[in-house]
Amino acid sequence: MKFNYTSEKKKFKKLWKRLEKEYYEAGMSRNQIEEMKQFDWEVFKSERNYRKHNVFVSEILLNDEKYRGQELDFLLHKYGNCSKDISEMGKLLRYGWIDELQRRELITVLEKLSEEDMELVTLVFLEGYTQKEAAQIIGLSEKTVWRRLRNVKKKCLNVKKKE
């Protein structure tokens, strides 16, 4: 996915507003705080450049007719036989965040989601896209995205209630 610069920059500024206050209260000098902030800013820019120049080829793109006849077909043809199933490898990379969750019941619920629902959760809750942006990326209406996310939330909340 593309790097959503505006959204990520807002998150960076919000985080650093809080960190500056915490660091100052902890007794750090303004120069030390500024050096740390500058270092984090360089990391932020580096991540942006990396995401700008490295494209993740997801199944959504591979299955989209408007990309047919372009470089993606060449990549699949050339490298498609390198692993058992390139789409499975893509899923593992894209949705690997699930394995980092602590609650087994929640992991089980999320693993049962359709790939489209999993993509919606990843776009909205992890990557910070709005529901409108996610709808445009996946090619669904906003209402459908809202409804699907509501259903996912219900499933996840039911896990909490059962405990």
Protein backbone atom coordinates (compact mmCIF):
# COMPACT_ATOMS: atom_id res chain seq x y z
CA MET A 1 0.00 0.00 0.00
CA LYS A 2 1.04 3.55 -0.56
CA PHE A 3 2.43 5.56 2.30
CA ASN A 4 -0.32 7.91 3.43
CA TYR A 5 1.97 10.85 4.17
CA THR A 6 -0.65 13.18 5.63
CA SER A 7 -2.03 10.58 7.99
CA GLU A 8 1.39 9.33 9.06
CA LYS A 9 2.71 12.87 9.59
CA LYS A 10 -0.29 13.67 11.82
CA LYS A 11 0.45 10.57 13.88
CA PHE A 12 4.13 11.54 14.11
CA LYS A 13 3.32 15.07 15.29
CA LYS A 14 0.78 13.82 17.83
CA LEU A 15 3.25 11.28 19.20
CA TRP A 16 6.02 13.85 19.46
CA LYS A 17 3.82 16.40 21.14
CA ARG A 18 3.27 13.88 23.91
CA LEU A 19 6.90 12.69 23.97
CA GLU A 20 8.31 16.22 24.21
CA LYS A 21 6.23 16.86 27.29
CA GLU A 22 7.21 13.53 28.88
CA TYR A 23 10.90 13.98 28.13
CA TYR A 24 10.92 17.55 29.45
CA GLU A 25 9.20 16.47 32.67
CA ALA A 26 11.75 13.65 33.00
CA GLY A 27 14.53 16.27 33.05
CA MET A 28 15.91 16.13 29.53
CA SER A 29 17.22 19.33 27.97
CA ARG A 30 15.54 20.93 24.97
CA ASN A 31 18.60 20.11 22.82
CA GLN A 32 18.48 16.43 23.74
CA ILE A 33 14.78 16.27 22.99
CA GLU A 34 15.28 18.03 19.66
CA GLU A 35 18.06 15.60 18.70
CA MET A 36 15.81 12.63 19.45
CA LYS A 37 12.96 14.19 17.50
CA GLN A 38 15.27 14.87 14.54
CA PHE A 39 16.47 11.26 14.60
CA ASP A 40 12.86 9.98 14.57
CA TRP A 41 12.06 12.40 11.74
CA GLU A 42 14.90 10.93 9.68
CA VAL A 43 13.55 7.44 10.34
CA PHE A 44 10.09 8.66 9.29
CA LYS A 45 11.47 10.05 6.01
CA SER A 46 13.45 6.87 5.40
CA GLU A 47 10.29 4.77 5.85
CA ARG A 48 8.44 7.06 3.46
CA ASN A 49 11.17 6.68 0.82
CA TYR A 50 11.22 2.93 1.26
CA ARG A 51 7.43 2.67 0.84
CA LYS A 52 7.55 5.10 -2.10
CA HIS A 53 10.07 2.99 -4.02
CA ASN A 54 8.94 -0.50 -2.99
CA VAL A 55 5.53 -1.64 -4.06
CA PHE A 56 3.74 -4.49 -2.32
CA VAL A 57 2.04 -6.59 -4.98
CA SER A 58 -1.15 -7.72 -3.32
CA GLU A 59 -3.83 -9.98 -4.66
CA ILE A 60 -6.12 -6.99 -5.03
CA LEU A 61 -3.79 -5.53 -7.61
CA LEU A 62 -3.10 -8.85 -9.26
CA ASN A 63 -6.80 -9.56 -9.75
CA ASP A 64 -7.66 -6.06 -10.97
CA GLU A 65 -8.30 -5.99 -14.72
CA LYS A 66 -6.88 -2.50 -15.18
CA TYR A 67 -3.38 -3.82 -14.41
CA ARG A 68 -3.50 -6.62 -16.99
CA GLY A 69 -0.79 -6.46 -19.60
CA GLN A 70 1.52 -4.44 -17.38
CA GLU A 71 4.59 -5.30 -15.30
CA LEU A 72 2.63 -7.33 -12.76
CA ASP A 73 1.96 -10.13 -15.24
CA PHE A 74 5.64 -10.20 -16.09
CA LEU A 75 6.58 -10.45 -12.41
CA LEU A 76 4.16 -13.30 -11.82
CA HIS A 77 5.34 -15.10 -14.93
CA LYS A 78 9.00 -14.70 -14.03
CA TYR A 79 8.82 -15.29 -10.28
CA GLY A 80 5.54 -17.12 -9.80
CA ASN A 81 7.21 -20.52 -9.60
CA CYS A 82 9.68 -19.44 -6.92
CA SER A 83 7.38 -20.56 -4.14
CA LYS A 84 4.52 -22.98 -3.75
CA ASP A 85 1.88 -20.28 -3.79
CA ILE A 86 2.80 -16.61 -4.17
CA SER A 87 -0.63 -15.47 -2.98
CA GLU A 88 -0.26 -17.44 0.27
CA MET A 89 3.15 -15.89 0.85
CA GLY A 90 1.63 -12.45 0.22
CA LYS A 91 -1.10 -13.15 2.78
CA LEU A 92 1.45 -14.17 5.39
CA LEU A 93 3.39 -10.97 4.86
CA ARG A 94 0.38 -8.69 4.64
CA TYR A 95 -1.54 -10.09 7.61
CA GLY A 96 1.37 -11.14 9.80
CA TRP A 97 0.24 -8.64 12.44
CA ILE A 98 -2.37 -11.18 13.56
CA ASP A 99 0.36 -13.44 14.93
CA GLU A 100 1.50 -10.63 17.22
CA LEU A 101 -1.84 -10.56 19.07
CA GLN A 102 -1.86 -12.03 22.58
CA ARG A 103 -5.35 -13.50 22.70
CA ARG A 104 -5.73 -16.83 20.93
CA GLU A 105 -9.54 -16.50 20.70
CA LEU A 106 -9.21 -13.18 18.87
CA ILE A 107 -6.64 -14.63 16.49
CA THR A 108 -9.01 -17.50 15.70
CA VAL A 109 -11.84 -15.06 14.90
CA LEU A 110 -9.64 -12.90 12.65
CA GLU A 111 -8.19 -15.88 10.78
CA LYS A 112 -11.73 -16.93 9.80
CA LEU A 113 -12.44 -13.59 8.08
CA SER A 114 -12.63 -13.41 4.31
CA GLU A 115 -9.56 -11.95 2.68
CA GLU A 116 -11.49 -8.83 1.69
CA ASP A 117 -12.57 -8.26 5.31
CA MET A 118 -9.02 -8.89 6.49
CA GLU A 119 -7.80 -6.28 4.00
CA LEU A 120 -10.37 -3.79 5.29
CA VAL A 121 -9.26 -4.31 8.89
CA THR A 122 -5.62 -3.89 7.87
CA LEU A 123 -6.29 -0.73 5.85
CA VAL A 124 -8.48 1.01 8.41
CA PHE A 125 -7.15 -0.08 11.79
CA LEU A 126 -3.48 -0.66 11.07
CA GLU A 127 -2.62 1.66 8.19
CA GLY A 128 -4.88 4.52 9.22
CA TYR A 129 -6.96 4.87 6.07
CA THR A 130 -10.45 6.25 6.44
CA GLN A 131 -13.39 4.04 5.56
CA LYS A 132 -13.92 6.16 2.46
CA GLU A 133 -10.30 5.67 1.33
CA ALA A 134 -10.49 1.93 2.04
CA ALA A 135 -13.69 1.70 0.00
CA GLN A 136 -11.95 3.36 -2.96
CA ILE A 137 -8.90 1.10 -2.67
CA ILE A 138 -10.92 -2.11 -2.56
CA GLY A 139 -13.65 -0.93 -4.92
CA LEU A 140 -16.64 -1.16 -2.60
CA SER A 141 -19.19 1.40 -1.47
CA GLU A 142 -18.62 3.22 1.81
CA LYS A 143 -21.80 1.68 3.20
CA THR A 144 -20.53 -1.83 2.43
CA VAL A 145 -17.20 -1.09 4.09
CA TRP A 146 -18.97 0.33 7.14
CA ARG A 147 -21.25 -2.73 7.35
CA ARG A 148 -18.37 -5.20 7.02
CA LEU A 149 -16.26 -3.45 9.65
CA ARG A 150 -19.25 -3.33 11.99
CA ASN A 151 -19.67 -7.11 11.59
CA VAL A 152 -15.98 -7.70 12.25
CA LYS A 153 -16.18 -5.56 15.39
CA LYS A 154 -19.21 -7.55 16.59
CA LYS A 155 -17.34 -10.83 16.10
CA CYS A 156 -14.34 -9.51 18.01
CA LEU A 157 -16.47 -8.11 20.83
CA ASN A 158 -18.26 -11.45 21.18
CA VAL A 159 -14.89 -12.98 22.04
CA LYS A 160 -14.57 -10.54 24.97
CA LYS A 161 -18.06 -11.32 26.26
CA LYS A 162 -17.42 -15.09 26.29
CA GLU A 163 -14.47 -14.74 28.67
